[in-house]
Amino acid sequence: MSGERGESCGPVRTCVGCRARTSSSELLRVVAEVGRAGPVAVPDPRRRQPGRGAWLHPDPACLRLAERRRAFPRALRVPGALDTSAVQAHLSAGQPQSAAQDMTDAGSVPRQATEGKQVDPS
């Protein structure tokens, strides 16, 4: 069955906002952390934080849909409301960037779309 659709794209995830299925490399991972005022949704662009994650297109429209549908508490299995201000700040700060560029170092020059995989020079 090799060569069938979806195998070469890597993991496929569903955006909690628009409910579209796409490659996880195009989505932003969001996790829940316990804050002073209760649970807080925080962005995890490096995909390294522990715990259950929810996936979201790095688009404010998808964030608004997820908030309206109350998708984050359900996807992250957190009772009650969830503060999403950290995710809003992350999306507004990185508005012109894509999810793939969020994975690069903060001080690096943006890569061209035609450039191949990045190789560690060390």
C-alpha atoms as a PDB file:
ATOM      1  CA  MET A   1       0.000   0.000   0.000  1.00  0.00           C
ATOM      2  CA  SER A   2       2.950   2.360  -0.156  1.00  0.00           C
ATOM      3  CA  GLY A   3       2.517   5.472  -2.240  1.00  0.00           C
ATOM      4  CA  GLU A   4      -1.124   6.008  -1.351  1.00  0.00           C
ATOM      5  CA  ARG A   5      -2.377   9.396  -0.295  1.00  0.00           C
ATOM      6  CA  GLY A   6      -1.193  10.902   2.975  1.00  0.00           C
ATOM      7  CA  GLU A   7       1.801   8.651   3.566  1.00  0.00           C
ATOM      8  CA  SER A   8       4.545  11.058   2.528  1.00  0.00           C
ATOM      9  CA  CYS A   9       2.997  14.109   4.243  1.00  0.00           C
ATOM     10  CA  GLY A  10       3.729  12.995   7.787  1.00  0.00           C
ATOM     11  CA  PRO A  11       1.153  13.069  10.584  1.00  0.00           C
ATOM     12  CA  VAL A  12      -2.238  14.545   9.749  1.00  0.00           C
ATOM     13  CA  ARG A  13      -4.026  16.581  12.424  1.00  0.00           C
ATOM     14  CA  THR A  14      -7.356  18.418  12.607  1.00  0.00           C
ATOM     15  CA  CYS A  15      -7.522  22.154  13.300  1.00  0.00           C
ATOM     16  CA  VAL A  16      -9.770  22.740  16.333  1.00  0.00           C
ATOM     17  CA  GLY A  17     -11.001  25.972  14.745  1.00  0.00           C
ATOM     18  CA  CYS A  18     -12.019  25.199  11.172  1.00  0.00           C
ATOM     19  CA  ARG A  19     -11.970  21.380  11.570  1.00  0.00           C
ATOM     20  CA  ALA A  20      -9.888  20.986   8.393  1.00  0.00           C
ATOM     21  CA  ARG A  21      -7.457  18.056   8.317  1.00  0.00           C
ATOM     22  CA  THR A  22      -3.931  18.953   7.267  1.00  0.00           C
ATOM     23  CA  SER A  23      -0.300  18.112   7.875  1.00  0.00           C
ATOM     24  CA  SER A  24       0.881  18.803  11.420  1.00  0.00           C
ATOM     25  CA  SER A  25       3.745  20.898  10.020  1.00  0.00           C
ATOM     26  CA  GLU A  26       1.173  23.512   8.926  1.00  0.00           C
ATOM     27  CA  LEU A  27      -0.487  23.734  12.340  1.00  0.00           C
ATOM     28  CA  LEU A  28       0.400  25.302  15.690  1.00  0.00           C
ATOM     29  CA  ARG A  29       0.301  23.029  18.721  1.00  0.00           C
ATOM     30  CA  VAL A  30      -1.419  24.459  21.806  1.00  0.00           C
ATOM     31  CA  VAL A  31      -1.160  22.961  25.304  1.00  0.00           C
ATOM     32  CA  ALA A  32      -2.836  23.751  28.631  1.00  0.00           C
ATOM     33  CA  GLU A  33      -0.845  25.023  31.610  1.00  0.00           C
ATOM     34  CA  VAL A  34      -2.098  25.820  35.087  1.00  0.00           C
ATOM     35  CA  GLY A  35      -1.917  29.544  35.769  1.00  0.00           C
ATOM     36  CA  ARG A  36      -2.840  31.655  38.807  1.00  0.00           C
ATOM     37  CA  ALA A  37      -6.356  32.316  37.533  1.00  0.00           C
ATOM     38  CA  GLY A  38      -6.889  28.781  36.228  1.00  0.00           C
ATOM     39  CA  PRO A  39      -5.908  26.866  33.113  1.00  0.00           C
ATOM     40  CA  VAL A  40      -4.244  28.797  30.288  1.00  0.00           C
ATOM     41  CA  ALA A  41      -3.804  27.772  26.647  1.00  0.00           C
ATOM     42  CA  VAL A  42      -0.217  28.416  25.546  1.00  0.00           C
ATOM     43  CA  PRO A  43       1.350  28.003  22.096  1.00  0.00           C
ATOM     44  CA  ASP A  44       3.930  25.258  21.627  1.00  0.00           C
ATOM     45  CA  PRO A  45       5.582  26.063  18.276  1.00  0.00           C
ATOM     46  CA  ARG A  46       8.524  23.710  18.934  1.00  0.00           C
ATOM     47  CA  ARG A  47       6.118  20.882  19.871  1.00  0.00           C
ATOM     48  CA  ARG A  48       8.157  19.926  22.936  1.00  0.00           C
ATOM     49  CA  GLN A  49       5.935  20.742  25.928  1.00  0.00           C
ATOM     50  CA  PRO A  50       4.463  17.777  27.791  1.00  0.00           C
ATOM     51  CA  GLY A  51       0.794  17.004  27.889  1.00  0.00           C
ATOM     52  CA  ARG A  52      -2.111  16.751  25.569  1.00  0.00           C
ATOM     53  CA  GLY A  53      -2.046  19.108  22.602  1.00  0.00           C
ATOM     54  CA  ALA A  54      -4.641  20.753  20.388  1.00  0.00           C
ATOM     55  CA  TRP A  55      -3.799  21.801  16.833  1.00  0.00           C
ATOM     56  CA  LEU A  56      -4.694  25.136  15.243  1.00  0.00           C
ATOM     57  CA  HIS A  57      -3.953  26.894  11.970  1.00  0.00           C
ATOM     58  CA  PRO A  58      -1.750  29.929  12.736  1.00  0.00           C
ATOM     59  CA  ASP A  59      -4.628  32.160  11.650  1.00  0.00           C
ATOM     60  CA  PRO A  60      -6.665  34.484  13.904  1.00  0.00           C
ATOM     61  CA  ALA A  61      -9.865  33.402  12.121  1.00  0.00           C
ATOM     62  CA  CYS A  62      -9.323  29.782  13.188  1.00  0.00           C
ATOM     63  CA  LEU A  63      -8.609  30.939  16.738  1.00  0.00           C
ATOM     64  CA  ARG A  64     -11.879  32.894  16.816  1.00  0.00           C
ATOM     65  CA  LEU A  65     -13.757  29.822  15.542  1.00  0.00           C
ATOM     66  CA  ALA A  66     -12.150  27.618  18.191  1.00  0.00           C
ATOM     67  CA  GLU A  67     -13.040  30.098  20.934  1.00  0.00           C
ATOM     68  CA  ARG A  68     -16.623  30.419  19.712  1.00  0.00           C
ATOM     69  CA  ARG A  69     -17.027  26.634  19.559  1.00  0.00           C
ATOM     70  CA  ARG A  70     -15.304  26.203  22.976  1.00  0.00           C
ATOM     71  CA  ALA A  71     -12.986  23.708  21.305  1.00  0.00           C
ATOM     72  CA  PHE A  72      -9.854  24.172  23.439  1.00  0.00           C
ATOM     73  CA  PRO A  73     -11.268  22.927  26.777  1.00  0.00           C
ATOM     74  CA  ARG A  74     -12.796  19.939  25.004  1.00  0.00           C
ATOM     75  CA  ALA A  75      -9.680  19.057  22.979  1.00  0.00           C
ATOM     76  CA  LEU A  76      -7.312  19.560  25.914  1.00  0.00           C
ATOM     77  CA  ARG A  77      -9.705  17.856  28.362  1.00  0.00           C
ATOM     78  CA  VAL A  78      -9.732  20.795  30.765  1.00  0.00           C
ATOM     79  CA  PRO A  79     -12.888  21.512  32.784  1.00  0.00           C
ATOM     80  CA  GLY A  80     -14.280  25.026  32.519  1.00  0.00           C
ATOM     81  CA  ALA A  81     -13.063  27.989  30.502  1.00  0.00           C
ATOM     82  CA  LEU A  82      -9.531  28.368  29.150  1.00  0.00           C
ATOM     83  CA  ASP A  83      -7.635  31.659  28.789  1.00  0.00           C
ATOM     84  CA  THR A  84      -6.387  31.940  25.186  1.00  0.00           C
ATOM     85  CA  SER A  85      -4.684  35.350  25.425  1.00  0.00           C
ATOM     86  CA  ALA A  86      -1.190  33.794  25.087  1.00  0.00           C
ATOM     87  CA  VAL A  87      -2.223  32.126  21.815  1.00  0.00           C
ATOM     88  CA  GLN A  88      -3.726  35.423  20.578  1.00  0.00           C
ATOM     89  CA  ALA A  89      -0.482  37.243  21.399  1.00  0.00           C
ATOM     90  CA  HIS A  90       1.586  34.576  19.629  1.00  0.00           C
ATOM     91  CA  LEU A  91      -0.555  34.794  16.478  1.00  0.00           C
ATOM     92  CA  SER A  92      -0.557  38.595  16.409  1.00  0.00           C
ATOM     93  CA  ALA A  93       3.223  38.726  16.924  1.00  0.00           C
ATOM     94  CA  GLY A  94       3.875  36.215  14.147  1.00  0.00           C
ATOM     95  CA  GLN A  95       1.098  37.296  11.777  1.00  0.00           C
ATOM     96  CA  PRO A  96       3.191  37.405   8.564  1.00  0.00           C
ATOM     97  CA  GLN A  97       4.988  34.155   9.450  1.00  0.00           C
ATOM     98  CA  SER A  98       3.850  30.649   8.677  1.00  0.00           C
ATOM     99  CA  ALA A  99       3.928  27.751  11.137  1.00  0.00           C
ATOM    100  CA  ALA A 100       7.060  26.393   9.466  1.00  0.00           C
ATOM    101  CA  GLN A 101       8.894  29.699  10.006  1.00  0.00           C
ATOM    102  CA  ASP A 102       7.904  29.670  13.704  1.00  0.00           C
ATOM    103  CA  MET A 103      10.002  26.509  13.996  1.00  0.00           C
ATOM    104  CA  THR A 104      13.196  28.363  12.971  1.00  0.00           C
ATOM    105  CA  ASP A 105      15.408  30.342  15.349  1.00  0.00           C
ATOM    106  CA  ALA A 106      14.150  33.809  16.209  1.00  0.00           C
ATOM    107  CA  GLY A 107      17.172  35.644  14.776  1.00  0.00           C
ATOM    108  CA  SER A 108      17.476  33.714  11.533  1.00  0.00           C
ATOM    109  CA  VAL A 109      16.735  35.040   8.080  1.00  0.00           C
ATOM    110  CA  PRO A 110      13.447  33.695   6.617  1.00  0.00           C
ATOM    111  CA  ARG A 111      14.005  30.842   4.198  1.00  0.00           C
ATOM    112  CA  GLN A 112      12.846  30.866   0.604  1.00  0.00           C
ATOM    113  CA  ALA A 113      10.012  28.492  -0.307  1.00  0.00           C
ATOM    114  CA  THR A 114      12.234  26.689  -2.809  1.00  0.00           C
ATOM    115  CA  GLU A 115      14.942  25.921  -0.269  1.00  0.00           C
ATOM    116  CA  GLY A 116      15.249  22.291   0.879  1.00  0.00           C
ATOM    117  CA  LYS A 117      15.611  20.839   4.339  1.00  0.00           C
ATOM    118  CA  GLN A 118      17.833  22.623   6.808  1.00  0.00           C
ATOM    119  CA  VAL A 119      20.948  20.646   7.751  1.00  0.00           C
ATOM    120  CA  ASP A 120      22.779  21.171  11.037  1.00  0.00           C
ATOM    121  CA  PRO A 121      26.292  22.442  10.097  1.00  0.00           C
ATOM    122  CA  SER A 122      27.974  21.003  13.215  1.00  0.00           C
END
